Amino acid sequence: MHGLGKSNMSNGDTYEGEFNNNKMEGKGTYFRMKDGSTYVGEWKENRKHGYGEFFFLSGNIYKDQWENGAQNGKGTMIDKDGNEVNEEWKDGVKIS
């Protein structure tokens, strides 16, 4: 696949967005069937990479920079009531 498209995964997940050489790359949206969460943001070689927003089924939203599929940098968790908490992550591990 190359360009804009949609892919339905065998586990029920879906990705809709940009592809490059059969990989999710560029901007796209990934919906996880298992828990109803959605990631909207940038991708590189099938991994979240760049700025993205992760929407939880609970109504919480996490906004952050991603690198190689993991949170990296200063992000913001916004709960369903609009309260914000700033967090810092390194390689997917919360450090503050």
N, C-alpha and C. Protein backbone atom coordinates (compact mmCIF):
# COMPACT_ATOMS: atom_id res chain seq x y z
N MET A 1 0.84 -1.18 0.00
CA MET A 1 0.00 0.00 0.00
C MET A 1 0.88 1.23 0.00
N HIS A 2 0.41 2.25 -0.69
CA HIS A 2 1.14 3.51 -0.75
C HIS A 2 0.12 4.64 -0.95
N GLY A 3 0.20 5.66 -0.12
CA GLY A 3 -0.75 6.76 -0.17
C GLY A 3 -1.80 6.59 0.91
N LEU A 4 -2.97 7.16 0.69
CA LEU A 4 -4.06 7.08 1.67
C LEU A 4 -4.79 5.75 1.54
N GLY A 5 -5.19 5.20 2.69
CA GLY A 5 -5.92 3.94 2.64
C GLY A 5 -6.42 3.53 4.00
N LYS A 6 -6.99 2.35 4.03
CA LYS A 6 -7.54 1.79 5.27
C LYS A 6 -7.14 0.33 5.35
N SER A 7 -6.76 -0.10 6.56
CA SER A 7 -6.37 -1.48 6.77
C SER A 7 -7.16 -2.04 7.95
N ASN A 8 -7.78 -3.20 7.73
CA ASN A 8 -8.48 -3.90 8.80
C ASN A 8 -7.60 -5.04 9.28
N MET A 9 -7.23 -5.01 10.56
CA MET A 9 -6.34 -6.01 11.14
C MET A 9 -7.12 -7.28 11.50
N SER A 10 -6.43 -8.39 11.60
CA SER A 10 -7.07 -9.67 11.93
C SER A 10 -7.67 -9.68 13.33
N ASN A 11 -7.18 -8.79 14.24
CA ASN A 11 -7.71 -8.74 15.60
C ASN A 11 -8.91 -7.78 15.73
N GLY A 12 -9.34 -7.20 14.62
CA GLY A 12 -10.47 -6.28 14.64
C GLY A 12 -10.09 -4.81 14.66
N ASP A 13 -8.81 -4.50 14.91
CA ASP A 13 -8.34 -3.12 14.90
C ASP A 13 -8.38 -2.57 13.47
N THR A 14 -8.46 -1.24 13.35
CA THR A 14 -8.41 -0.62 12.02
C THR A 14 -7.46 0.57 12.04
N TYR A 15 -6.82 0.79 10.90
CA TYR A 15 -5.97 1.96 10.69
C TYR A 15 -6.45 2.63 9.42
N GLU A 16 -6.59 3.94 9.49
CA GLU A 16 -6.95 4.71 8.31
C GLU A 16 -6.02 5.91 8.24
N GLY A 17 -5.32 6.04 7.13
CA GLY A 17 -4.40 7.15 6.98
C GLY A 17 -3.40 6.90 5.88
N GLU A 18 -2.20 7.41 6.11
CA GLU A 18 -1.15 7.35 5.10
C GLU A 18 -0.31 6.07 5.24
N PHE A 19 0.07 5.54 4.09
CA PHE A 19 0.94 4.36 4.01
C PHE A 19 2.14 4.69 3.14
N ASN A 20 3.25 4.04 3.42
CA ASN A 20 4.43 4.14 2.58
C ASN A 20 5.06 2.74 2.55
N ASN A 21 5.14 2.15 1.37
CA ASN A 21 5.70 0.81 1.22
C ASN A 21 5.08 -0.19 2.19
N ASN A 22 3.76 -0.23 2.23
CA ASN A 22 2.98 -1.16 3.06
C ASN A 22 3.11 -0.93 4.56
N LYS A 23 3.60 0.23 4.98
CA LYS A 23 3.73 0.54 6.40
C LYS A 23 2.92 1.79 6.73
N MET A 24 2.37 1.81 7.96
CA MET A 24 1.69 3.01 8.43
C MET A 24 2.77 4.07 8.60
N GLU A 25 2.63 5.16 7.84
CA GLU A 25 3.66 6.20 7.87
C GLU A 25 3.03 7.51 7.43
N GLY A 26 3.23 8.54 8.25
CA GLY A 26 2.59 9.83 8.01
C GLY A 26 1.53 10.05 9.07
N LYS A 27 0.40 10.60 8.67
CA LYS A 27 -0.69 10.85 9.62
C LYS A 27 -1.77 9.80 9.46
N GLY A 28 -2.29 9.35 10.61
CA GLY A 28 -3.34 8.34 10.55
C GLY A 28 -4.03 8.15 11.88
N THR A 29 -5.11 7.37 11.82
CA THR A 29 -5.94 7.07 12.98
C THR A 29 -6.00 5.56 13.16
N TYR A 30 -5.73 5.11 14.39
CA TYR A 30 -5.75 3.69 14.72
C TYR A 30 -6.79 3.45 15.80
N PHE A 31 -7.74 2.57 15.52
CA PHE A 31 -8.79 2.23 16.48
C PHE A 31 -8.54 0.82 17.00
N ARG A 32 -8.44 0.69 18.34
CA ARG A 32 -8.23 -0.62 18.96
C ARG A 32 -9.56 -1.20 19.40
N MET A 33 -9.93 -2.29 18.79
CA MET A 33 -11.20 -2.96 19.09
C MET A 33 -11.23 -3.47 20.53
N LYS A 34 -10.10 -3.97 21.02
CA LYS A 34 -10.01 -4.61 22.34
C LYS A 34 -10.51 -3.71 23.47
N ASP A 35 -10.10 -2.44 23.45
CA ASP A 35 -10.46 -1.55 24.55
C ASP A 35 -11.16 -0.27 24.10
N GLY A 36 -11.44 -0.14 22.81
CA GLY A 36 -12.17 1.02 22.31
C GLY A 36 -11.37 2.31 22.27
N SER A 37 -10.05 2.23 22.44
CA SER A 37 -9.23 3.43 22.40
C SER A 37 -8.86 3.78 20.95
N THR A 38 -8.48 5.05 20.76
CA THR A 38 -8.12 5.54 19.43
C THR A 38 -6.88 6.42 19.54
N TYR A 39 -5.96 6.23 18.62
CA TYR A 39 -4.78 7.10 18.51
C TYR A 39 -4.91 7.86 17.20
N VAL A 40 -4.75 9.18 17.29
CA VAL A 40 -4.77 10.04 16.11
C VAL A 40 -3.46 10.81 16.10
N GLY A 41 -2.65 10.59 15.09
CA GLY A 41 -1.38 11.30 15.06
C GLY A 41 -0.45 10.81 13.98
N GLU A 42 0.82 10.99 14.26
CA GLU A 42 1.86 10.69 13.28
C GLU A 42 2.43 9.29 13.49
N TRP A 43 2.86 8.69 12.38
CA TRP A 43 3.37 7.32 12.35
C TRP A 43 4.68 7.28 11.57
N LYS A 44 5.52 6.32 11.95
CA LYS A 44 6.74 6.05 11.20
C LYS A 44 7.01 4.55 11.30
N GLU A 45 7.06 3.87 10.18
CA GLU A 45 7.33 2.43 10.11
C GLU A 45 6.45 1.63 11.08
N ASN A 46 5.15 1.84 11.00
CA ASN A 46 4.14 1.13 11.79
C ASN A 46 4.14 1.45 13.28
N ARG A 47 4.80 2.51 13.68
CA ARG A 47 4.84 2.88 15.10
C ARG A 47 4.41 4.33 15.28
N LYS A 48 3.79 4.61 16.43
CA LYS A 48 3.47 6.01 16.76
C LYS A 48 4.80 6.75 16.84
N HIS A 49 4.88 7.85 16.11
CA HIS A 49 6.15 8.58 16.07
C HIS A 49 5.86 10.03 15.66
N GLY A 50 6.12 10.97 16.57
CA GLY A 50 5.77 12.36 16.36
C GLY A 50 4.67 12.74 17.32
N TYR A 51 3.92 13.77 16.98
CA TYR A 51 2.84 14.21 17.87
C TYR A 51 1.60 13.34 17.67
N GLY A 52 0.96 13.00 18.79
CA GLY A 52 -0.27 12.22 18.70
C GLY A 52 -1.15 12.41 19.92
N GLU A 53 -2.41 12.08 19.73
CA GLU A 53 -3.39 12.15 20.81
C GLU A 53 -4.03 10.78 20.95
N PHE A 54 -4.06 10.28 22.20
CA PHE A 54 -4.61 8.96 22.50
C PHE A 54 -5.91 9.16 23.26
N PHE A 55 -7.00 8.67 22.69
CA PHE A 55 -8.33 8.83 23.28
C PHE A 55 -8.75 7.51 23.92
N PHE A 56 -8.99 7.56 25.24
CA PHE A 56 -9.42 6.39 25.99
C PHE A 56 -10.94 6.31 25.97
N LEU A 57 -11.48 5.11 26.07
CA LEU A 57 -12.92 4.91 26.11
C LEU A 57 -13.55 5.65 27.30
N SER A 58 -12.78 5.82 28.37
CA SER A 58 -13.27 6.51 29.58
C SER A 58 -13.56 7.99 29.34
N GLY A 59 -13.04 8.53 28.23
CA GLY A 59 -13.19 9.96 27.95
C GLY A 59 -11.91 10.73 28.19
N ASN A 60 -10.91 10.10 28.81
CA ASN A 60 -9.62 10.75 29.00
C ASN A 60 -8.88 10.87 27.67
N ILE A 61 -8.04 11.90 27.56
CA ILE A 61 -7.23 12.12 26.36
C ILE A 61 -5.79 12.35 26.80
N TYR A 62 -4.84 11.70 26.12
CA TYR A 62 -3.43 11.92 26.39
C TYR A 62 -2.78 12.50 25.15
N LYS A 63 -2.14 13.67 25.31
CA LYS A 63 -1.47 14.35 24.21
C LYS A 63 0.02 14.38 24.49
N ASP A 64 0.82 13.93 23.52
CA ASP A 64 2.26 13.86 23.77
C ASP A 64 3.02 13.64 22.47
N GLN A 65 4.33 13.69 22.59
CA GLN A 65 5.24 13.28 21.54
C GLN A 65 5.50 11.79 21.71
N TRP A 66 5.59 11.08 20.60
CA TRP A 66 5.83 9.65 20.61
C TRP A 66 7.10 9.38 19.82
N GLU A 67 7.82 8.37 20.24
CA GLU A 67 9.05 7.97 19.53
C GLU A 67 9.12 6.45 19.52
N ASN A 68 9.18 5.89 18.33
CA ASN A 68 9.25 4.43 18.17
C ASN A 68 8.14 3.70 18.93
N GLY A 69 6.93 4.26 18.92
CA GLY A 69 5.78 3.60 19.52
C GLY A 69 5.53 3.90 20.98
N ALA A 70 6.40 4.67 21.62
CA ALA A 70 6.27 4.94 23.06
C ALA A 70 6.23 6.45 23.34
N GLN A 71 5.60 6.80 24.46
CA GLN A 71 5.56 8.21 24.86
C GLN A 71 6.98 8.67 25.18
N ASN A 72 7.31 9.87 24.70
CA ASN A 72 8.61 10.47 24.97
C ASN A 72 8.43 11.98 25.05
N GLY A 73 8.78 12.54 26.20
CA GLY A 73 8.69 13.98 26.36
C GLY A 73 7.61 14.37 27.33
N LYS A 74 7.27 15.66 27.29
CA LYS A 74 6.25 16.20 28.19
C LYS A 74 4.90 16.11 27.52
N GLY A 75 3.98 15.48 28.22
CA GLY A 75 2.63 15.30 27.68
C GLY A 75 1.59 15.78 28.67
N THR A 76 0.37 15.77 28.22
CA THR A 76 -0.74 16.22 29.05
C THR A 76 -1.85 15.17 29.04
N MET A 77 -2.28 14.79 30.24
CA MET A 77 -3.43 13.91 30.41
C MET A 77 -4.61 14.81 30.76
N ILE A 78 -5.68 14.69 30.00
CA ILE A 78 -6.89 15.47 30.25
C ILE A 78 -8.00 14.48 30.59
N ASP A 79 -8.57 14.63 31.79
CA ASP A 79 -9.63 13.69 32.16
C ASP A 79 -10.96 14.12 31.54
N LYS A 80 -11.96 13.29 31.69
CA LYS A 80 -13.26 13.54 31.05
C LYS A 80 -13.92 14.82 31.53
N ASP A 81 -13.47 15.36 32.70
CA ASP A 81 -14.02 16.60 33.23
C ASP A 81 -13.22 17.83 32.79
N GLY A 82 -12.14 17.61 32.01
CA GLY A 82 -11.33 18.71 31.51
C GLY A 82 -10.14 19.07 32.38
N ASN A 83 -9.91 18.33 33.48
CA ASN A 83 -8.76 18.59 34.34
C ASN A 83 -7.49 18.10 33.66
N GLU A 84 -6.43 18.90 33.71
CA GLU A 84 -5.19 18.56 33.04
C GLU A 84 -4.07 18.25 34.03
N VAL A 85 -3.27 17.24 33.70
CA VAL A 85 -2.09 16.88 34.48
C VAL A 85 -0.93 16.76 33.50
N ASN A 86 0.15 17.48 33.78
CA ASN A 86 1.33 17.39 32.93
C ASN A 86 2.21 16.25 33.42
N GLU A 87 2.71 15.47 32.47
CA GLU A 87 3.55 14.31 32.79
C GLU A 87 4.76 14.32 31.87
N GLU A 88 5.81 13.65 32.32
CA GLU A 88 6.99 13.49 31.47
C GLU A 88 7.29 12.01 31.33
N TRP A 89 7.59 11.60 30.11
CA TRP A 89 7.82 10.20 29.77
C TRP A 89 9.14 10.02 29.05
N LYS A 90 9.74 8.87 29.25
CA LYS A 90 10.96 8.49 28.53
C LYS A 90 10.81 7.04 28.11
N ASP A 91 10.81 6.78 26.81
CA ASP A 91 10.70 5.42 26.27
C ASP A 91 9.51 4.65 26.85
N GLY A 92 8.37 5.35 27.00
CA GLY A 92 7.15 4.71 27.47
C GLY A 92 7.03 4.56 28.98
N VAL A 93 8.01 5.09 29.72
CA VAL A 93 7.99 5.01 31.19
C VAL A 93 7.77 6.41 31.75
N LYS A 94 6.79 6.55 32.62
CA LYS A 94 6.50 7.84 33.24
C LYS A 94 7.60 8.17 34.24
N ILE A 95 8.23 9.35 34.07
CA ILE A 95 9.31 9.73 34.98
C ILE A 95 8.91 10.88 35.90
N SER A 96 7.80 11.55 35.62
CA SER A 96 7.29 12.57 36.54
C SER A 96 5.87 12.94 36.20
